[in-house]
């Protein structure tokens, strides 16, 4: 444990994590969850997505036939990765008593856009994704590096990007 805690936010995160870890360890089955998000496209390409009390709109640019009613779906995918990694690093640091002033994450993806039209030999999946993590801290590089390595092994959206997984689709017509 590093004793460089410097702010109330980090203390609150640490306390919250202690409580939730204790609760999860007392009943590990309660730690499993299923979350559903619903998206609907009507006229045009704009998709309204809802999960509980949250709503977002995603769309494509004019060149693709959209109306730019919101960012592209790829924006939200990259947002999930950047947010998951940045928040995960900050959570782990607070939980471990490591003071980080800021955590910045940049996610860069390379694509072959022919593939989204079924053209060419490439897949529509990103050709490569690069993640840059910058932290502002006085803690040693080795301490931060070790912590981030652990965080990446626990980050759901980082792992969803990195690791193969089971994806099941079902079609309903009517």
Protein backbone atom coordinates (compact mmCIF):
# COMPACT_ATOMS: atom_id res chain seq x y z
CA UNK A 1 0.00 0.00 0.00
CA UNK A 2 1.28 3.41 -0.94
CA UNK A 3 0.30 6.14 1.49
CA UNK A 4 0.19 8.98 -1.02
CA UNK A 5 -3.59 9.51 -0.82
CA UNK A 6 -4.11 13.20 -1.39
CA UNK A 7 -7.78 13.85 -1.99
CA UNK A 8 -11.25 13.13 -0.70
CA UNK A 9 -12.40 11.65 -4.03
CA UNK A 10 -9.74 8.92 -3.85
CA UNK A 11 -10.69 8.22 -0.22
CA UNK A 12 -14.37 7.91 -1.19
CA UNK A 13 -13.49 5.52 -4.04
CA UNK A 14 -11.35 3.41 -1.71
CA UNK A 15 -14.12 3.22 0.90
CA UNK A 16 -16.77 2.36 -1.70
CA UNK A 17 -14.57 -0.41 -3.12
CA UNK A 18 -13.93 -1.91 0.29
CA UNK A 19 -17.69 -2.11 0.87
CA UNK A 20 -18.54 -3.58 -2.53
CA UNK A 21 -15.67 -6.11 -2.40
CA UNK A 22 -16.79 -7.25 1.04
CA UNK A 23 -20.39 -7.60 -0.20
CA UNK A 24 -19.33 -9.52 -3.33
CA UNK A 25 -17.04 -11.86 -1.40
CA UNK A 26 -19.88 -12.68 0.98
CA UNK A 27 -22.05 -13.77 -2.00
CA UNK A 28 -20.00 -14.25 -5.19
CA UNK A 29 -23.08 -15.32 -7.19
CA UNK A 30 -24.56 -11.84 -6.66
CA UNK A 31 -21.57 -10.35 -8.49
CA UNK A 32 -22.75 -11.80 -11.82
CA UNK A 33 -24.90 -9.51 -13.92
CA UNK A 34 -26.68 -9.28 -17.23
CA UNK A 35 -27.20 -5.87 -18.82
CA UNK A 36 -29.34 -5.22 -21.88
CA UNK A 37 -29.21 -2.12 -24.06
CA UNK A 38 -31.81 -1.51 -26.76
CA UNK A 39 -31.29 0.36 -30.03
CA UNK A 40 -33.89 1.42 -32.57
CA UNK A 41 -33.50 2.83 -36.08
CA UNK A 42 -36.60 4.21 -37.81
CA UNK A 43 -36.38 6.52 -40.81
CA UNK A 44 -32.79 7.23 -41.83
CA UNK A 45 -29.80 5.82 -39.99
CA UNK A 46 -29.98 7.54 -36.58
CA UNK A 47 -30.20 4.96 -33.83
CA UNK A 48 -31.63 5.82 -30.41
CA UNK A 49 -30.13 3.59 -27.77
CA UNK A 50 -31.55 3.15 -24.26
CA UNK A 51 -30.31 1.44 -21.14
CA UNK A 52 -32.28 2.16 -18.00
CA UNK A 53 -32.44 5.93 -17.45
CA UNK A 54 -29.76 6.67 -20.08
CA UNK A 55 -30.32 7.46 -23.76
CA UNK A 56 -27.81 8.08 -26.54
CA UNK A 57 -28.10 8.67 -30.27
CA UNK A 58 -25.67 7.34 -32.81
CA UNK A 59 -25.69 8.12 -36.51
CA UNK A 60 -23.43 8.30 -39.54
CA UNK A 61 -22.19 11.28 -41.51
CA UNK A 62 -23.83 12.73 -44.60
CA UNK A 63 -21.41 10.88 -46.88
CA UNK A 64 -22.76 7.57 -45.56
CA UNK A 65 -26.42 8.64 -45.79
CA UNK A 66 -26.77 9.72 -42.15
CA UNK A 67 -27.73 13.11 -40.72
CA UNK A 68 -25.03 13.37 -38.02
CA UNK A 69 -27.72 13.27 -35.31
CA UNK A 70 -25.04 11.86 -33.03
CA UNK A 71 -21.56 10.36 -33.09
CA UNK A 72 -20.89 7.17 -35.03
CA UNK A 73 -21.25 3.77 -33.33
CA UNK A 74 -17.44 3.54 -33.42
CA UNK A 75 -17.24 6.65 -31.22
CA UNK A 76 -19.15 4.83 -28.49
CA UNK A 77 -17.06 1.67 -28.90
CA UNK A 78 -13.85 3.67 -28.50
CA UNK A 79 -15.47 5.63 -25.66
CA UNK A 80 -16.21 2.38 -23.84
CA UNK A 81 -12.58 1.29 -24.11
CA UNK A 82 -11.09 4.69 -23.18
CA UNK A 83 -13.50 5.13 -20.29
CA UNK A 84 -13.11 1.57 -19.03
CA UNK A 85 -9.32 1.78 -19.03
CA UNK A 86 -9.10 5.32 -17.57
CA UNK A 87 -11.68 4.68 -14.86
CA UNK A 88 -10.21 1.24 -14.13
CA UNK A 89 -6.74 2.74 -13.63
CA UNK A 90 -8.08 5.49 -11.38
CA UNK A 91 -10.17 3.01 -9.36
CA UNK A 92 -7.25 0.65 -8.84
CA UNK A 93 -4.95 3.50 -7.85
CA UNK A 94 -7.43 4.84 -5.32
CA UNK A 95 -8.11 1.36 -3.97
CA UNK A 96 -4.36 0.72 -3.56
CA UNK A 97 -3.61 4.16 -2.12
CA UNK A 98 -1.64 5.32 -5.16
CA UNK A 99 -2.05 9.01 -5.94
CA UNK A 100 -2.69 9.79 -9.61
CA UNK A 101 -3.49 13.39 -10.47
CA UNK A 102 -4.87 12.51 -13.90
CA UNK A 103 -5.31 9.52 -16.19
CA UNK A 104 -5.56 10.14 -19.93
CA UNK A 105 -6.32 7.38 -22.42
CA UNK A 106 -6.17 7.69 -26.22
CA UNK A 107 -7.66 4.92 -28.37
CA UNK A 108 -6.69 4.82 -32.05
CA UNK A 109 -8.19 2.32 -34.47
CA UNK A 110 -7.22 1.56 -38.07
CA UNK A 111 -9.87 0.27 -40.48
CA UNK A 112 -10.27 -0.93 -44.04
CA UNK A 113 -13.60 0.76 -44.81
CA UNK A 114 -14.13 -1.29 -47.98
CA UNK A 115 -15.07 -4.20 -45.72
CA UNK A 116 -18.19 -2.51 -44.28
CA UNK A 117 -19.62 -2.72 -47.78
CA UNK A 118 -18.50 -6.31 -48.28
CA UNK A 119 -15.79 -5.22 -50.69
CA UNK A 120 -12.20 -6.42 -50.71
CA UNK A 121 -10.64 -9.22 -48.73
CA UNK A 122 -10.41 -7.56 -45.29
CA UNK A 123 -12.64 -7.92 -42.27
CA UNK A 124 -14.71 -4.96 -41.07
CA UNK A 125 -13.11 -5.37 -37.63
CA UNK A 126 -10.37 -2.90 -36.79
CA UNK A 127 -7.07 -3.81 -38.42
CA UNK A 128 -5.26 -2.59 -35.30
CA UNK A 129 -6.16 -0.76 -32.10
CA UNK A 130 -3.58 1.19 -30.14
CA UNK A 131 -4.17 2.39 -26.58
CA UNK A 132 -1.98 5.08 -25.04
CA UNK A 133 -2.26 5.52 -21.26
CA UNK A 134 -0.74 8.64 -19.67
CA UNK A 135 -0.75 9.23 -15.92
CA UNK A 136 0.36 12.27 -13.99
CA UNK A 137 1.86 11.02 -10.75
CA UNK A 138 4.93 11.11 -8.52
CA UNK A 139 4.78 7.32 -8.11
CA UNK A 140 7.48 5.18 -9.75
CA UNK A 141 7.07 3.99 -13.32
CA UNK A 142 7.36 0.36 -12.17
CA UNK A 143 4.54 0.75 -9.60
CA UNK A 144 2.25 2.39 -12.15
CA UNK A 145 3.18 -0.11 -14.88
CA UNK A 146 2.45 -3.10 -12.61
CA UNK A 147 -0.88 -1.61 -11.56
CA UNK A 148 -1.94 -0.90 -15.15
CA UNK A 149 -0.98 -4.41 -16.24
CA UNK A 150 -3.35 -5.75 -13.55
CA UNK A 151 -6.09 -3.29 -14.49
CA UNK A 152 -6.03 -4.34 -18.13
CA UNK A 153 -6.58 -7.96 -17.09
CA UNK A 154 -9.74 -6.83 -15.24
CA UNK A 155 -11.18 -4.25 -17.69
CA UNK A 156 -14.36 -5.67 -19.28
CA UNK A 157 -14.33 -3.51 -22.43
CA UNK A 158 -10.59 -3.76 -22.92
CA UNK A 159 -10.96 -7.54 -22.66
CA UNK A 160 -13.99 -7.51 -24.99
CA UNK A 161 -11.78 -5.83 -27.58
CA UNK A 162 -8.71 -8.00 -26.96
CA UNK A 163 -10.12 -11.48 -26.34
CA UNK A 164 -12.37 -13.74 -28.43
CA UNK A 165 -15.73 -14.31 -26.81
CA UNK A 166 -19.04 -16.01 -27.42
CA UNK A 167 -21.47 -13.77 -29.28
CA UNK A 168 -24.96 -15.15 -29.83
CA UNK A 169 -27.39 -13.49 -32.23
CA UNK A 170 -31.11 -14.14 -32.61
CA UNK A 171 -33.51 -12.78 -35.22
CA UNK A 172 -37.17 -12.00 -34.63
CA UNK A 173 -39.37 -10.86 -37.51
CA UNK A 174 -42.84 -9.43 -37.13
